[in-house]
Amino acid sequence: MNNNPLFSVILPNYNHGSFLKNSIASVINQEFTNWELIIIDNFSNDNSDEIINSFKDSRIKIFKIQNNGVIAKSRNLGIKNAKAKWIAFLDSDDIWYPYKLSELIKPLYNDYDVVCSNEYHLNILSGEKKPSKYLIESKNAYKELLIFGNRLSTSSTIVNRDFLLKNNLLFDENVDFITVEDYDLWMQIAFLGGTFVFCNKFLGEYRIHEKNSSNNFDLHFNNLKKLLMYHINEVQNFSAKEALIDKIKPRLIYALIKRRFSINFRMGLKFLLLEIFKMKIKDLYFFSKFIFSKIST
């Protein structure tokens, strides 16, 4: 077993046996071999154990946890048992390309605390594959993340373990942050002065399917609002709260409108008109500005 890995890959799992084999294999097949894979299984009752045990590799460590639906607990257990300089995250339904880690060991990334690469979004049912690029453009990463939304993807991100330890940082295990705990961690890192760099290569796939936790729109949307209000009221120090809420509100309204249109065109159109009718002048201004930014990108 390697006692001095450069990457600790943290892979939480719960009943993803149908995806897990490919996810683990995508780590095993990395060109760069100095890693450890920490699998944290939430007492799955499918064939996950059989699949995990089929891989005979001393670099794989297996932990069991009862996380009660809070994936942050699983990831935190992985972080606490990690030995490497870099913490890499891989969800059990996602995969990496073989050159993922070899690309991210380049000296270019050594002086940063967070490295994020691009990935493809693959719809398992339809086979549709779309590129997804990640980037923070402003010098104030925290402000950009808070106002404009998550700019990273968990399975595409590696974090400097020393930065986490020095700042006593882990994923927040608050049940109100389920599905947005990764977004919160990126904002916490940025708030504490962590530095971000983005690799412009596509190094893996985020696989979309019916079991994605983020597909629970109501849970995700409600917890996103709770997380944003927490940061607005308790963390951020660059803006008056009401002014910041005005800037953030348009993307929340946009998410709701987009959701309604995805269900039914008439429902979406009706919801859009009702929301516009309810808007104050300042709300309409910020919403129009947001929509224009979406169209122009």
Protein backbone atom coordinates (compact mmCIF):
# COMPACT_ATOMS: atom_id res chain seq x y z
CA MET A 1 0.00 0.00 0.00
CA ASN A 2 1.31 3.45 -0.93
CA ASN A 3 1.95 5.49 2.23
CA ASN A 4 2.96 8.63 0.37
CA PRO A 5 0.40 9.28 -2.39
CA LEU A 6 0.16 12.60 -4.19
CA PHE A 7 -3.62 12.35 -4.65
CA SER A 8 -6.26 11.10 -2.22
CA VAL A 9 -9.35 10.36 -4.28
CA ILE A 10 -12.53 10.49 -2.19
CA LEU A 11 -15.44 8.53 -3.62
CA PRO A 12 -18.70 8.40 -1.61
CA ASN A 13 -21.26 5.80 -2.62
CA TYR A 14 -24.78 4.74 -1.86
CA ASN A 15 -26.56 2.17 -4.04
CA HIS A 16 -24.79 3.24 -7.22
CA GLY A 17 -23.74 -0.28 -8.14
CA SER A 18 -24.81 0.27 -11.74
CA PHE A 19 -22.30 3.14 -12.08
CA LEU A 20 -19.67 2.31 -9.49
CA LYS A 21 -17.58 -0.13 -11.51
CA ASN A 22 -16.87 2.44 -14.20
CA SER A 23 -16.09 5.13 -11.64
CA ILE A 24 -13.56 3.00 -9.77
CA ALA A 25 -12.07 1.73 -13.03
CA SER A 26 -11.55 5.31 -14.18
CA VAL A 27 -9.25 5.82 -11.18
CA ILE A 28 -7.49 2.46 -11.57
CA ASN A 29 -6.80 3.29 -15.22
CA GLN A 30 -5.12 6.64 -14.53
CA GLU A 31 -1.80 7.16 -16.32
CA PHE A 32 -0.49 8.72 -13.11
CA THR A 33 -0.35 5.96 -10.50
CA ASN A 34 0.67 7.65 -7.23
CA TRP A 35 -2.79 7.90 -5.65
CA GLU A 36 -4.98 6.35 -3.00
CA LEU A 37 -8.69 5.77 -3.50
CA ILE A 38 -10.84 6.21 -0.40
CA ILE A 39 -14.30 4.71 -0.91
CA ILE A 40 -16.89 5.66 1.71
CA ASP A 41 -19.96 3.48 1.38
CA ASN A 42 -23.22 4.43 3.09
CA PHE A 43 -24.14 0.80 3.84
CA SER A 44 -25.46 0.20 0.33
CA ASN A 45 -27.95 -2.63 -0.06
CA ASP A 46 -27.37 -3.23 -3.77
CA ASN A 47 -24.34 -4.95 -5.33
CA SER A 48 -21.91 -2.15 -4.41
CA ASP A 49 -19.88 -4.28 -1.98
CA GLU A 50 -19.43 -6.97 -4.61
CA ILE A 51 -18.21 -4.44 -7.14
CA ILE A 52 -15.83 -2.73 -4.69
CA ASN A 53 -14.34 -6.03 -3.56
CA SER A 54 -13.78 -7.13 -7.16
CA PHE A 55 -10.96 -4.59 -7.42
CA LYS A 56 -7.82 -6.10 -5.93
CA ASP A 57 -5.69 -3.01 -5.52
CA SER A 58 -3.80 -2.10 -2.35
CA ARG A 59 -4.29 1.60 -3.08
CA ILE A 60 -8.03 1.25 -2.38
CA LYS A 61 -9.28 1.88 1.16
CA ILE A 62 -12.86 1.17 2.15
CA PHE A 63 -14.85 2.82 4.93
CA LYS A 64 -18.46 2.36 5.99
CA ILE A 65 -20.62 5.15 7.37
CA GLN A 66 -24.27 5.80 8.15
CA ASN A 67 -24.55 9.33 6.82
CA ASN A 68 -28.35 9.65 7.04
CA GLY A 69 -28.52 11.21 3.59
CA VAL A 70 -25.82 13.81 4.30
CA ILE A 71 -23.10 13.13 1.74
CA ALA A 72 -20.94 15.79 3.42
CA LYS A 73 -20.38 13.30 6.27
CA SER A 74 -19.00 10.73 3.84
CA ARG A 75 -16.69 13.20 2.12
CA ASN A 76 -15.47 14.51 5.48
CA LEU A 77 -14.63 10.99 6.63
CA GLY A 78 -12.58 10.64 3.45
CA ILE A 79 -10.76 13.94 4.05
CA LYS A 80 -9.93 12.96 7.64
CA ASN A 81 -8.35 9.70 6.44
CA ALA A 82 -6.54 11.19 3.45
CA LYS A 83 -2.74 11.24 3.34
CA ALA A 84 -2.00 13.07 0.10
CA LYS A 85 -1.19 16.68 -0.65
CA TRP A 86 -4.15 16.91 -3.02
CA ILE A 87 -7.71 15.89 -2.20
CA ALA A 88 -9.57 14.86 -5.36
CA PHE A 89 -13.31 14.27 -5.39
CA LEU A 90 -15.12 11.78 -7.59
CA ASP A 91 -18.79 10.96 -7.23
CA SER A 92 -19.72 7.30 -7.65
CA ASP A 93 -21.71 7.96 -10.82
CA ASP A 94 -19.05 10.06 -12.57
CA ILE A 95 -15.86 9.06 -14.39
CA TRP A 96 -12.44 10.51 -15.14
CA TYR A 97 -10.47 10.18 -18.35
CA PRO A 98 -7.13 8.31 -18.01
CA TYR A 99 -5.03 11.48 -18.27
CA LYS A 100 -6.95 13.38 -15.54
CA LEU A 101 -4.36 13.18 -12.77
CA SER A 102 -1.32 13.32 -15.04
CA GLU A 103 -2.68 16.60 -16.41
CA LEU A 104 -3.21 18.09 -12.96
CA ILE A 105 0.29 17.33 -11.60
CA LYS A 106 1.83 19.90 -13.95
CA PRO A 107 3.86 22.60 -12.14
CA LEU A 108 1.38 25.20 -13.39
CA TYR A 109 -1.02 24.22 -10.59
CA ASN A 110 1.37 23.81 -7.65
CA ASP A 111 0.92 27.27 -6.17
CA TYR A 112 -2.87 27.16 -6.02
CA ASP A 113 -5.26 25.85 -3.40
CA VAL A 114 -8.04 24.71 -5.74
CA VAL A 115 -7.74 23.33 -9.27
CA CYS A 116 -10.82 22.69 -11.41
CA SER A 117 -10.97 21.23 -14.91
CA ASN A 118 -13.74 21.10 -17.48
CA GLU A 119 -15.97 18.06 -17.96
CA TYR A 120 -18.70 16.72 -20.19
CA HIS A 121 -22.28 16.27 -19.03
CA LEU A 122 -23.47 12.92 -20.34
CA ASN A 123 -27.17 12.08 -20.25
CA ILE A 124 -27.24 8.32 -19.69
CA LEU A 125 -30.76 7.93 -21.07
CA SER A 126 -30.51 10.02 -24.23
CA GLY A 127 -26.78 9.68 -24.88
CA GLU A 128 -26.53 13.45 -25.28
CA LYS A 129 -23.11 14.79 -24.34
CA LYS A 130 -22.54 18.48 -23.67
CA PRO A 131 -19.34 20.33 -22.73
CA SER A 132 -19.37 22.14 -19.40
CA LYS A 133 -16.69 24.75 -18.74
CA TYR A 134 -15.81 26.13 -15.32
CA LEU A 135 -14.17 29.47 -14.62
CA ILE A 136 -13.93 32.27 -12.07
CA GLU A 137 -13.11 35.48 -13.92
CA SER A 138 -12.86 38.17 -11.24
CA LYS A 139 -10.13 38.67 -8.66
CA ASN A 140 -12.71 38.37 -5.87
CA ALA A 141 -13.59 34.69 -6.20
CA TYR A 142 -15.90 34.71 -3.19
CA LYS A 143 -17.99 37.60 -4.45
CA GLU A 144 -18.31 36.06 -7.90
CA LEU A 145 -19.33 32.68 -6.49
CA LEU A 146 -21.93 34.20 -4.20
CA ILE A 147 -23.53 36.53 -6.73
CA PHE A 148 -23.31 34.48 -9.91
CA GLY A 149 -23.48 30.92 -8.61
CA ASN A 150 -21.33 27.81 -8.39
CA ARG A 151 -18.41 27.91 -10.81
CA LEU A 152 -16.98 24.47 -10.06
CA SER A 153 -17.99 20.82 -10.20
CA THR A 154 -17.14 18.39 -7.40
CA SER A 155 -15.83 15.57 -9.59
CA SER A 156 -13.68 18.06 -11.52
CA THR A 157 -12.07 19.68 -8.49
CA ILE A 158 -8.97 18.99 -6.42
CA VAL A 159 -8.14 20.88 -3.21
CA ASN A 160 -4.87 21.40 -1.37
CA ARG A 161 -5.17 19.36 1.84
CA ASP A 162 -2.84 21.72 3.72
CA PHE A 163 -5.22 24.62 3.10
CA LEU A 164 -8.14 22.62 4.49
CA LEU A 165 -6.18 21.57 7.57
CA LYS A 166 -4.77 25.05 8.23
CA ASN A 167 -8.24 26.58 8.09
CA ASN A 168 -10.06 23.68 9.78
CA LEU A 169 -12.31 23.37 6.73
CA LEU A 170 -14.64 20.51 5.89
CA PHE A 171 -17.95 20.15 4.07
CA ASP A 172 -20.78 21.57 6.17
CA GLU A 173 -22.94 18.70 7.46
CA ASN A 174 -26.01 20.88 8.00
CA VAL A 175 -29.02 19.04 6.54
CA ASP A 176 -30.20 22.39 5.13
CA PHE A 177 -27.21 22.37 2.78
CA ILE A 178 -27.75 18.94 1.22
CA THR A 179 -26.97 19.10 -2.56
CA VAL A 180 -25.20 22.49 -2.16
CA GLU A 181 -22.51 21.50 0.38
CA ASP A 182 -19.84 21.57 -2.34
CA TYR A 183 -20.85 25.09 -3.42
CA ASP A 184 -20.58 26.18 0.21
CA LEU A 185 -17.07 24.71 0.55
CA TRP A 186 -15.82 26.54 -2.54
CA MET A 187 -17.22 29.80 -1.14
CA GLN A 188 -15.66 29.15 2.27
CA ILE A 189 -12.29 28.50 0.65
CA ALA A 190 -12.58 31.68 -1.43
CA PHE A 191 -13.66 33.74 1.59
CA LEU A 192 -10.55 32.63 3.48
CA GLY A 193 -8.29 33.68 0.63
CA GLY A 194 -7.84 30.38 -1.16
CA THR A 195 -6.55 30.68 -4.70
CA PHE A 196 -8.27 29.06 -7.69
CA VAL A 197 -6.97 28.01 -11.09
CA PHE A 198 -8.88 26.42 -13.96
CA CYS A 199 -7.59 23.81 -16.39
CA ASN A 200 -9.18 24.36 -19.79
CA LYS A 201 -9.17 20.67 -20.70
CA PHE A 202 -12.06 18.21 -20.48
CA LEU A 203 -10.92 15.53 -18.08
CA GLY A 204 -14.04 13.61 -17.13
CA GLU A 205 -17.79 13.11 -17.36
CA TYR A 206 -20.63 14.10 -15.07
CA ARG A 207 -23.28 11.47 -15.75
CA ILE A 208 -26.91 12.55 -15.65
CA HIS A 209 -29.52 9.99 -14.68
CA GLU A 210 -32.72 9.61 -12.70
CA LYS A 211 -30.95 8.97 -9.39
CA ASN A 212 -28.95 12.22 -9.33
CA SER A 213 -29.59 13.92 -5.99
CA SER A 214 -29.51 17.29 -7.74
CA ASN A 215 -32.50 16.15 -9.81
CA ASN A 216 -34.67 16.73 -6.74
CA PHE A 217 -35.35 20.30 -7.80
CA ASP A 218 -37.40 21.37 -4.79
CA LEU A 219 -34.83 20.12 -2.28
CA HIS A 220 -31.94 21.61 -4.22
CA PHE A 221 -33.65 24.96 -4.80
CA ASN A 222 -34.81 25.38 -1.19
CA ASN A 223 -31.40 24.46 0.19
CA LEU A 224 -29.70 26.78 -2.28
CA LYS A 225 -31.81 29.67 -0.95
CA LYS A 226 -30.90 28.73 2.63
CA LEU A 227 -27.22 28.59 1.77
CA LEU A 228 -27.29 31.96 0.01
CA MET A 229 -29.14 33.62 2.89
CA TYR A 230 -26.59 32.16 5.31
CA HIS A 231 -23.72 33.67 3.35
CA ILE A 232 -25.51 36.98 2.86
CA ASN A 233 -26.44 37.35 6.53
CA GLU A 234 -23.61 35.58 8.33
CA VAL A 235 -20.48 35.46 6.16
CA GLN A 236 -20.07 38.09 3.44
CA ASN A 237 -18.73 41.54 4.32
CA PHE A 238 -18.66 43.37 0.99
CA SER A 239 -22.25 44.48 0.51
CA ALA A 240 -25.38 45.65 2.30
CA LYS A 241 -27.64 42.63 2.71
CA GLU A 242 -30.67 44.01 0.89
CA ALA A 243 -28.58 45.18 -2.06
CA LEU A 244 -26.96 41.77 -2.32
CA ILE A 245 -30.32 40.00 -2.20
CA ASP A 246 -31.45 42.19 -5.12
CA LYS A 247 -28.47 41.00 -7.16
CA ILE A 248 -28.98 37.33 -6.35
CA LYS A 249 -32.78 37.20 -6.68
CA PRO A 250 -32.81 37.19 -10.54
CA ARG A 251 -30.92 33.90 -10.85
CA LEU A 252 -33.27 32.26 -8.37
CA ILE A 253 -36.29 33.48 -10.34
CA TYR A 254 -34.61 32.34 -13.55
CA ALA A 255 -34.09 28.85 -12.09
CA LEU A 256 -37.77 28.62 -11.21
CA ILE A 257 -38.86 29.82 -14.64
CA LYS A 258 -36.51 27.39 -16.38
CA ARG A 259 -37.90 24.57 -14.25
CA ARG A 260 -41.51 25.47 -15.12
CA PHE A 261 -40.69 25.58 -18.85
CA SER A 262 -39.02 22.17 -18.61
CA ILE A 263 -42.27 20.72 -17.27
CA ASN A 264 -44.73 22.51 -19.52
CA PHE A 265 -44.38 25.45 -21.92
CA ARG A 266 -47.66 27.07 -20.93
CA MET A 267 -46.85 26.66 -17.26
CA GLY A 268 -43.48 28.30 -17.83
CA LEU A 269 -44.92 31.19 -19.80
CA LYS A 270 -47.63 31.81 -17.21
CA PHE A 271 -45.09 31.74 -14.38
CA LEU A 272 -42.77 34.11 -16.26
CA LEU A 273 -45.54 36.66 -16.84
CA LEU A 274 -46.69 36.46 -13.22
CA GLU A 275 -43.16 36.98 -11.93
CA ILE A 276 -42.61 39.98 -14.21
CA PHE A 277 -45.95 41.44 -13.11
CA LYS A 278 -44.95 41.14 -9.44
CA MET A 279 -41.51 42.71 -9.92
CA LYS A 280 -40.65 46.13 -8.66
CA ILE A 281 -38.68 48.46 -10.91
CA LYS A 282 -35.37 47.53 -9.30
CA ASP A 283 -36.20 43.81 -9.52
CA LEU A 284 -37.07 44.18 -13.20
CA TYR A 285 -33.79 46.00 -13.79
CA PHE A 286 -31.66 43.29 -12.18
CA PHE A 287 -33.67 40.52 -13.83
CA SER A 288 -33.35 42.08 -17.30
CA LYS A 289 -29.63 42.54 -16.75
CA PHE A 290 -29.29 38.90 -15.69
CA ILE A 291 -31.27 37.60 -18.68
CA PHE A 292 -29.14 39.70 -21.03
CA SER A 293 -25.97 38.21 -19.48
CA LYS A 294 -27.36 34.68 -20.05
CA ILE A 295 -28.18 35.44 -23.68
CA SER A 296 -24.83 37.06 -24.42
CA THR A 297 -22.73 34.16 -23.05
